[in-house]
Amino acid sequence: MRIFVHDFAGHPFQIQLSRWLAGQGHAVFHAYCADIQTPRGALEIRETDSPGFSILPITIGRPISKYNLIRRIFEEWRYGRELIWSIAKAAPDIVISGNTSPIVQAMVRRWTRRHGIAFVYWLQDVFTIALSHALNGWKRLLLSPALMFLRRLEFGTLARADAVVVISEDFRALLAAEGVPVGHVEVIENWAPVDEVPARPKSNAWSQAVGIADKFVFLYSGTLGLKHNPGLLSDLAKSFSNDPDVRMVVISNGIGRDWLEAKKKADGLDNLLLFDFVPFEIVPDCLGAADVQVAILEPHAGVLSVPSKVLTYIAAEKPVLGAIPPENLAARIIVGNGLGLNVAPTDAEAFTAAARSLRKDAAAATYHQALSAYKAEHFDIDKVGAAFLAVFAGAAARCRK
């Protein structure tokens, strides 16, 4: 089978799936957007990769706007056109695409339908719901026609896909209400590539180089966008400002990182350490430097945005401090499996209290045992890969009808 995998973000677990599929003898083309700044996986060809495996960076020749909706719409159209050209050259039997806008998804689905190619929509987040919550006041009013157009496009494309992969059971009711055929929807929860994010010791090359190997580290690594409140991170640093052995470490770029830079300077937060995104091969050392790993998600994200960073944290085998809506799958995973502590993102006092609790017992054997057990049960790429192949078979059958 010739399989085209498009993951706009270029995240670690998607590229692991593509490598696994290629290892099963399929010709696999893995495409991602080269024009955005985000944590990425191992997006370089390795000597051990199968001969039929290709990695395709897609570019429009300039950075894609993240917060200008009108400009972004035109850039997405250009990106979709470049992506379709790459798909046409690959001549796949099936396309799976995710982590991208409704415009790109609609363009790809229309093209694949015209050419008799099965299309699988990998739904990581409901784009238009997240965007609607992120906008407020005059912006929402001014952009409401564009939002309505994008919403119809998003759910229309989902309804017409040959299969839809969602990352949580929580998506099913919404999709059914919006006309997506129930039988086309399959749940495959996200995972982390444990072979590529091994648990590393606290004292390692990176932690020693940045001077935190002998400190107690709360670490946040990943995007800080409209679904994240960076104030929780600065508040955490401030609450431990009198403890000389504690550091709040943030590895990120973008609008939230910029806000933290200003806050650090204004409040004199010397224990708040800010770093740019690092190459993927350094990520395990960064996560290993942590004693507690921090995940935050705004209330409006609800159940329809599951932060994959939590799964990467689990792979690193360090307890998680979450400020995530309790109904969210990530929060349920943390609490239900004893992997750390989670509080409502609006409860700053409880967040600080949970941090102080983990300051005392983050090294407890119960956390390590729970994290190891969860990894072993849920991060098996052979099981995950087999589930995707089953989805592909169903999508191909529907496409032929």
Protein backbone atom coordinates (compact mmCIF):
# COMPACT_ATOMS: atom_id res chain seq x y z
CA MET A 1 0.00 0.00 0.00
CA ARG A 2 1.13 3.55 -0.73
CA ILE A 3 0.29 5.73 2.28
CA PHE A 4 0.54 9.53 2.51
CA VAL A 5 0.67 10.80 6.11
CA HIS A 6 0.25 14.54 6.59
CA ASP A 7 0.86 15.96 10.06
CA PHE A 8 0.98 19.75 9.79
CA ALA A 9 2.82 20.12 13.12
CA GLY A 10 5.52 17.48 12.60
CA HIS A 11 5.06 15.98 16.06
CA PRO A 12 7.04 12.98 17.35
CA PHE A 13 4.41 10.26 17.53
CA GLN A 14 3.05 10.82 14.02
CA ILE A 15 6.48 10.38 12.45
CA GLN A 16 6.93 7.22 14.56
CA LEU A 17 3.71 5.84 13.05
CA SER A 18 4.96 6.59 9.54
CA ARG A 19 8.25 4.81 10.23
CA TRP A 20 6.38 1.82 11.62
CA LEU A 21 4.11 1.65 8.57
CA ALA A 22 7.15 1.77 6.29
CA GLY A 23 8.72 -1.00 8.35
CA GLN A 24 5.72 -3.20 7.52
CA GLY A 25 6.58 -2.95 3.84
CA HIS A 26 4.36 -0.05 2.80
CA ALA A 27 5.56 2.93 0.76
CA VAL A 28 5.07 5.84 3.15
CA PHE A 29 5.30 9.57 2.44
CA HIS A 30 5.35 11.72 5.59
CA ALA A 31 4.59 15.41 5.01
CA TYR A 32 4.68 18.31 7.48
CA CYS A 33 4.68 22.12 7.41
CA ALA A 34 8.17 23.61 7.37
CA ASP A 35 6.86 27.16 7.91
CA ILE A 36 5.83 27.05 11.57
CA GLN A 37 7.75 27.09 14.84
CA THR A 38 6.66 24.21 17.07
CA PRO A 39 8.15 21.18 18.86
CA ARG A 40 9.04 18.60 16.24
CA GLY A 41 9.88 14.93 16.05
CA ALA A 42 12.74 13.17 14.26
CA LEU A 43 12.08 14.58 10.78
CA GLU A 44 15.30 13.50 9.11
CA ILE A 45 15.90 10.32 7.14
CA ARG A 46 17.91 7.77 9.14
CA GLU A 47 20.17 5.00 7.94
CA THR A 48 17.79 2.51 9.55
CA ASP A 49 14.71 3.81 7.71
CA SER A 50 13.01 1.54 5.20
CA PRO A 51 13.79 2.23 1.51
CA GLY A 52 10.15 3.07 0.86
CA PHE A 53 10.03 5.85 3.46
CA SER A 54 10.12 9.54 2.47
CA ILE A 55 9.89 12.77 4.47
CA LEU A 56 8.41 15.78 2.68
CA PRO A 57 8.66 19.29 4.17
CA ILE A 58 5.88 21.44 2.69
CA THR A 59 6.50 25.19 2.43
CA ILE A 60 4.92 28.33 0.99
CA GLY A 61 8.25 30.13 1.25
CA ARG A 62 7.53 32.21 4.36
CA PRO A 63 6.35 31.75 7.98
CA ILE A 64 2.62 31.08 8.31
CA SER A 65 0.70 33.61 10.39
CA LYS A 66 -0.59 32.18 13.66
CA TYR A 67 -2.86 34.98 14.89
CA ASN A 68 -4.02 36.89 11.80
CA LEU A 69 -7.09 34.93 10.68
CA ILE A 70 -7.66 36.65 7.34
CA ARG A 71 -4.03 36.37 6.27
CA ARG A 72 -3.94 32.80 7.57
CA ILE A 73 -6.88 31.81 5.34
CA PHE A 74 -4.97 32.82 2.20
CA GLU A 75 -1.78 31.18 3.45
CA GLU A 76 -3.66 27.97 4.20
CA TRP A 77 -4.97 27.91 0.64
CA ARG A 78 -1.43 28.26 -0.70
CA TYR A 79 -0.22 25.57 1.68
CA GLY A 80 -3.03 23.24 0.65
CA ARG A 81 -2.09 23.68 -2.99
CA GLU A 82 1.56 22.82 -2.27
CA LEU A 83 0.46 19.81 -0.24
CA ILE A 84 -1.79 18.51 -3.02
CA TRP A 85 1.07 18.75 -5.51
CA SER A 86 3.14 16.55 -3.19
CA ILE A 87 0.27 14.09 -2.84
CA ALA A 88 -0.15 13.95 -6.61
CA LYS A 89 3.55 13.14 -7.07
CA ALA A 90 3.38 10.39 -4.44
CA ALA A 91 0.31 8.79 -6.07
CA PRO A 92 -0.87 7.15 -2.82
CA ASP A 93 -3.69 4.68 -2.25
CA ILE A 94 -4.70 6.47 0.95
CA VAL A 95 -4.15 9.86 2.60
CA ILE A 96 -4.40 10.50 6.34
CA SER A 97 -4.19 14.15 7.37
CA GLY A 98 -4.44 16.00 10.67
CA ASN A 99 -3.31 18.88 12.86
CA THR A 100 -4.26 21.32 10.14
CA SER A 101 -6.99 23.78 9.25
CA PRO A 102 -10.41 23.04 7.73
CA ILE A 103 -9.31 24.77 4.52
CA VAL A 104 -6.42 22.39 3.94
CA GLN A 105 -8.46 19.35 4.97
CA ALA A 106 -11.28 20.29 2.59
CA MET A 107 -8.86 20.84 -0.31
CA VAL A 108 -7.21 17.46 0.26
CA ARG A 109 -10.52 15.61 0.63
CA ARG A 110 -11.92 17.09 -2.60
CA TRP A 111 -8.75 16.20 -4.50
CA THR A 112 -8.60 12.64 -3.18
CA ARG A 113 -12.30 12.10 -3.95
CA ARG A 114 -11.81 13.21 -7.56
CA HIS A 115 -8.91 10.80 -7.95
CA GLY A 116 -10.44 7.80 -6.18
CA ILE A 117 -8.05 7.92 -3.22
CA ALA A 118 -9.27 7.13 0.30
CA PHE A 119 -9.12 10.04 2.77
CA VAL A 120 -8.81 9.66 6.55
CA TYR A 121 -9.34 12.74 8.74
CA TRP A 122 -7.12 12.49 11.86
CA LEU A 123 -8.96 14.79 14.26
CA GLN A 124 -6.70 16.09 17.03
CA ASP A 125 -8.67 19.23 17.84
CA VAL A 126 -11.88 20.86 16.61
CA PHE A 127 -10.33 23.88 14.94
CA THR A 128 -13.34 26.17 14.79
CA ILE A 129 -14.46 25.58 18.37
CA ALA A 130 -10.98 26.38 19.67
CA LEU A 131 -10.78 29.48 17.45
CA SER A 132 -14.20 30.73 18.50
CA HIS A 133 -13.26 30.53 22.18
CA ALA A 134 -9.92 32.24 21.55
CA LEU A 135 -11.64 35.25 19.96
CA ASN A 136 -13.67 37.70 22.02
CA GLY A 137 -15.43 41.01 21.81
CA TRP A 138 -15.19 42.90 18.54
CA LYS A 139 -12.89 40.31 17.00
CA ARG A 140 -15.50 37.57 17.29
CA LEU A 141 -18.19 39.89 15.88
CA LEU A 142 -16.02 41.09 13.01
CA LEU A 143 -14.83 37.62 12.09
CA SER A 144 -18.10 35.77 12.64
CA PRO A 145 -18.77 35.29 8.87
CA ALA A 146 -15.34 33.72 8.45
CA LEU A 147 -15.90 31.53 11.51
CA MET A 148 -19.26 30.34 10.19
CA PHE A 149 -17.68 29.50 6.84
CA LEU A 150 -14.84 27.59 8.49
CA ARG A 151 -17.23 25.69 10.77
CA ARG A 152 -19.35 24.49 7.84
CA LEU A 153 -16.19 23.56 5.99
CA GLU A 154 -14.73 21.65 8.94
CA PHE A 155 -17.78 19.54 9.79
CA GLY A 156 -18.68 19.09 6.13
CA THR A 157 -15.24 17.64 5.44
CA LEU A 158 -15.47 15.38 8.49
CA ALA A 159 -18.84 14.11 7.31
CA ARG A 160 -17.50 13.33 3.84
CA ALA A 161 -14.23 11.67 4.93
CA ASP A 162 -13.91 7.94 4.29
CA ALA A 163 -12.89 7.53 7.94
CA VAL A 164 -12.30 9.78 10.94
CA VAL A 165 -9.76 8.98 13.65
CA VAL A 166 -10.43 10.82 16.92
CA ILE A 167 -8.17 10.84 19.96
CA SER A 168 -10.86 10.51 22.61
CA GLU A 169 -14.34 9.03 23.02
CA ASP A 170 -15.37 12.57 23.99
CA PHE A 171 -15.46 13.57 20.30
CA ARG A 172 -18.13 11.04 19.30
CA ALA A 173 -21.26 12.86 20.50
CA LEU A 174 -20.28 16.17 18.88
CA LEU A 175 -19.47 14.55 15.53
CA ALA A 176 -22.70 12.57 15.52
CA ALA A 177 -24.67 15.76 16.23
CA GLU A 178 -22.93 17.45 13.29
CA GLY A 179 -23.83 14.69 10.82
CA VAL A 180 -20.61 12.67 10.77
CA PRO A 181 -21.55 8.99 10.15
CA VAL A 182 -21.10 7.08 13.40
CA GLY A 183 -19.66 4.06 11.64
CA HIS A 184 -16.87 6.12 10.08
CA VAL A 185 -15.44 7.25 13.45
CA GLU A 186 -12.72 5.28 15.23
CA VAL A 187 -11.00 6.19 18.50
CA ILE A 188 -7.22 5.80 18.64
CA GLU A 189 -5.76 7.68 21.58
CA ASN A 190 -2.48 9.51 21.13
CA TRP A 191 0.72 8.01 22.49
CA ALA A 192 4.41 8.85 22.88
CA PRO A 193 7.35 7.23 21.05
CA VAL A 194 9.03 5.65 24.08
CA ASP A 195 12.07 4.46 22.12
CA GLU A 196 12.78 8.03 21.07
CA VAL A 197 11.89 9.69 24.38
CA PRO A 198 13.62 7.40 26.89
CA ALA A 199 13.69 8.21 30.58
CA ARG A 200 16.99 10.01 31.23
CA PRO A 201 18.76 10.76 34.53
CA LYS A 202 18.33 14.19 36.08
CA SER A 203 22.02 14.93 35.83
CA ASN A 204 22.76 14.84 32.12
CA ALA A 205 24.59 16.87 29.49
CA TRP A 206 21.78 19.43 29.04
CA SER A 207 20.90 19.94 32.73
CA GLN A 208 24.56 20.37 33.57
CA ALA A 209 25.12 22.82 30.71
CA VAL A 210 22.27 25.10 31.85
CA GLY A 211 23.06 24.78 35.55
CA ILE A 212 19.98 22.97 36.88
CA ALA A 213 21.32 19.46 37.53
CA ASP A 214 21.34 20.12 41.30
CA LYS A 215 18.02 22.04 41.44
CA PHE A 216 14.43 20.92 41.92
CA VAL A 217 12.90 21.63 38.51
CA PHE A 218 9.33 22.26 37.46
CA LEU A 219 9.49 22.04 33.67
CA TYR A 220 7.05 23.12 30.96
CA SER A 221 7.96 22.15 27.40
CA GLY A 222 5.85 22.91 24.34
CA THR A 223 3.60 25.45 22.71
CA LEU A 224 2.28 28.41 24.70
CA GLY A 225 -0.59 29.63 22.56
CA LEU A 226 -4.17 30.79 22.93
CA LYS A 227 -5.18 27.65 24.82
CA HIS A 228 -2.55 28.17 27.53
CA ASN A 229 -2.28 30.66 30.38
CA PRO A 230 1.42 31.49 30.90
CA GLY A 231 0.46 33.36 34.07
CA LEU A 232 0.19 30.02 35.85
CA LEU A 233 3.88 29.40 35.13
CA SER A 234 5.03 32.81 36.33
CA ASP A 235 2.86 32.44 39.43
CA LEU A 236 4.48 29.09 40.12
CA ALA A 237 7.92 30.64 39.87
CA LYS A 238 6.85 33.49 42.17
CA SER A 239 5.47 31.07 44.78
CA PHE A 240 8.89 29.40 45.06
CA SER A 241 10.96 32.58 44.82
CA ASN A 242 12.16 32.14 48.42
CA ASP A 243 13.33 28.56 47.80
CA PRO A 244 16.85 28.79 46.33
CA ASP A 245 16.75 25.14 45.22
CA VAL A 246 13.71 25.45 42.92
CA ARG A 247 13.62 26.49 39.27
CA MET A 248 10.66 26.95 36.91
CA VAL A 249 12.00 26.01 33.47
CA VAL A 250 10.05 26.80 30.29
CA ILE A 251 11.07 25.55 26.84
CA SER A 252 8.92 27.32 24.28
CA ASN A 253 8.66 29.99 21.60
CA GLY A 254 5.94 32.37 20.52
CA ILE A 255 3.37 34.65 22.13
CA GLY A 256 3.29 32.97 25.55
CA ARG A 257 7.06 32.83 25.77
CA ASP A 258 7.24 36.54 24.90
CA TRP A 259 4.76 37.29 27.70
CA LEU A 260 6.88 35.35 30.17
CA GLU A 261 10.01 37.23 29.10
CA ALA A 262 8.31 40.52 30.00
CA LYS A 263 6.88 39.11 33.25
CA LYS A 264 10.25 37.72 34.33
CA LYS A 265 11.85 41.13 33.86
CA ALA A 266 9.00 43.08 35.51
CA ASP A 267 8.81 40.85 38.60
CA GLY A 268 12.47 39.96 38.90
CA LEU A 269 11.81 36.22 38.64
CA ASP A 270 15.36 34.94 38.61
CA ASN A 271 14.14 31.38 39.20
CA LEU A 272 12.12 31.43 35.95
CA LEU A 273 14.42 30.10 33.22
CA LEU A 274 13.32 30.45 29.59
CA PHE A 275 14.74 28.46 26.68
CA ASP A 276 13.95 28.15 22.97
CA PHE A 277 12.73 24.91 21.46
CA VAL A 278 15.57 22.39 21.22
CA PRO A 279 16.40 19.78 18.54
CA PHE A 280 14.45 16.57 19.05
CA GLU A 281 17.50 14.55 20.07
CA ILE A 282 17.98 16.85 23.09
CA VAL A 283 14.37 16.57 24.29
CA PRO A 284 14.93 13.44 26.44
CA ASP A 285 17.70 15.19 28.40
CA CYS A 286 15.48 18.27 28.88
CA LEU A 287 12.63 16.16 30.22
CA GLY A 288 15.04 14.12 32.31
CA ALA A 289 16.18 17.31 34.03
CA ALA A 290 12.68 17.79 35.45
CA ASP A 291 11.49 16.64 38.84
CA VAL A 292 7.91 17.63 37.95
CA GLN A 293 6.56 18.28 34.47
CA VAL A 294 3.86 20.93 34.05
CA ALA A 295 0.88 20.88 31.68
CA ILE A 296 -1.70 23.67 31.36
CA LEU A 297 -4.86 24.04 29.27
CA GLU A 298 -7.48 26.78 29.40
CA PRO A 299 -11.07 25.95 30.44
CA HIS A 300 -12.50 26.70 26.99
CA ALA A 301 -10.52 23.77 25.54
CA GLY A 302 -12.85 21.44 27.45
CA VAL A 303 -12.68 17.81 26.32
CA LEU A 304 -11.89 18.48 22.67
CA SER A 305 -8.19 19.27 22.94
CA VAL A 306 -5.96 16.65 24.55
CA PRO A 307 -2.42 18.00 25.12
CA SER A 308 -0.03 15.42 23.70
CA LYS A 309 2.79 16.88 25.81
CA VAL A 310 1.29 14.99 28.77
CA LEU A 311 1.99 11.72 26.98
CA THR A 312 5.57 12.77 26.22
CA TYR A 313 5.94 13.65 29.90
CA ILE A 314 4.74 10.16 30.82
CA ALA A 315 7.38 8.64 28.53
CA ALA A 316 10.02 10.56 30.48
CA GLU A 317 8.70 8.97 33.71
CA LYS A 318 8.40 12.14 35.79
CA PRO A 319 5.18 13.04 37.67
CA VAL A 320 2.87 15.58 36.04
CA LEU A 321 1.44 18.74 37.57
CA GLY A 322 -1.63 19.64 35.54
CA ALA A 323 -3.89 22.67 35.38
CA ILE A 324 -6.26 21.04 32.90
CA PRO A 325 -10.08 20.96 32.83
CA PRO A 326 -10.94 17.88 34.93
CA GLU A 327 -13.24 16.47 32.25
CA ASN A 328 -10.39 16.45 29.70
CA LEU A 329 -8.90 13.06 28.81
CA ALA A 330 -5.39 14.21 29.78
CA ALA A 331 -6.60 15.17 33.25
CA ARG A 332 -8.40 11.85 33.60
CA ILE A 333 -5.24 9.99 32.61
CA ILE A 334 -3.12 11.87 35.17
CA VAL A 335 -5.53 11.45 38.07
CA GLY A 336 -6.99 8.06 37.20
CA ASN A 337 -3.61 6.39 36.86
CA GLY A 338 -1.81 8.12 39.72
CA LEU A 339 0.66 9.87 37.40
CA GLY A 340 0.69 13.17 39.28
CA LEU A 341 -1.77 15.85 40.42
CA ASN A 342 -4.28 17.92 38.47
CA VAL A 343 -6.39 20.95 39.39
CA ALA A 344 -8.87 23.15 37.55
CA PRO A 345 -7.00 25.75 35.44
CA THR A 346 -8.93 28.56 37.13
CA ASP A 347 -7.83 27.60 40.65
CA ALA A 348 -4.40 29.24 41.07
CA GLU A 349 -4.34 28.54 44.80
CA ALA A 350 -4.92 24.82 44.29
CA PHE A 351 -2.27 24.80 41.56
CA THR A 352 0.32 26.20 43.96
CA ALA A 353 -0.74 23.77 46.68
CA ALA A 354 -0.39 20.82 44.31
CA ALA A 355 3.06 22.07 43.29
CA ARG A 356 4.14 22.21 46.94
CA SER A 357 2.86 18.69 47.49
CA LEU A 358 4.88 17.41 44.55
CA ARG A 359 7.89 19.36 45.75
CA LYS A 360 7.86 17.02 48.75
CA ASP A 361 7.11 13.65 47.16
CA ALA A 362 7.84 13.83 43.41
CA ALA A 363 10.45 11.09 43.79
CA ALA A 364 8.00 8.67 45.43
CA ALA A 365 8.23 5.13 44.05
CA THR A 366 4.47 5.04 43.49
CA TYR A 367 4.73 7.70 40.78
CA HIS A 368 7.56 5.91 39.00
CA GLN A 369 5.71 2.60 39.09
CA ALA A 370 2.49 4.13 37.80
CA LEU A 371 4.27 5.96 34.97
CA SER A 372 6.14 2.82 33.88
CA ALA A 373 2.96 0.76 33.94
CA TYR A 374 1.02 3.29 31.84
CA LYS A 375 3.79 3.42 29.24
CA ALA A 376 3.91 -0.34 28.92
CA GLU A 377 0.15 -0.65 28.44
CA HIS A 378 -0.62 2.30 26.18
CA PHE A 379 2.47 3.19 24.15
CA ASP A 380 2.92 -0.02 22.13
CA ILE A 381 3.48 1.11 18.53
CA ASP A 382 2.67 -2.38 17.20
CA LYS A 383 -0.84 -2.18 18.66
CA VAL A 384 -1.29 1.43 17.56
CA GLY A 385 -0.04 0.73 14.05
CA ALA A 386 -2.33 -2.27 13.66
CA ALA A 387 -5.30 -0.09 14.68
CA PHE A 388 -4.46 2.45 11.98
CA LEU A 389 -4.10 -0.26 9.33
CA ALA A 390 -7.59 -1.46 10.24
CA VAL A 391 -8.90 2.09 9.78
CA PHE A 392 -7.16 2.34 6.40
CA ALA A 393 -8.77 -0.91 5.24
CA GLY A 394 -12.23 0.35 6.17
CA ALA A 395 -11.65 3.72 4.52
CA ALA A 396 -10.40 2.09 1.31
CA ALA A 397 -13.49 -0.12 1.19
CA ARG A 398 -15.82 2.87 1.60
CA CYS A 399 -13.91 4.83 -1.03
CA ARG A 400 -14.46 2.05 -3.60
CA LYS A 401 -18.23 2.06 -3.13
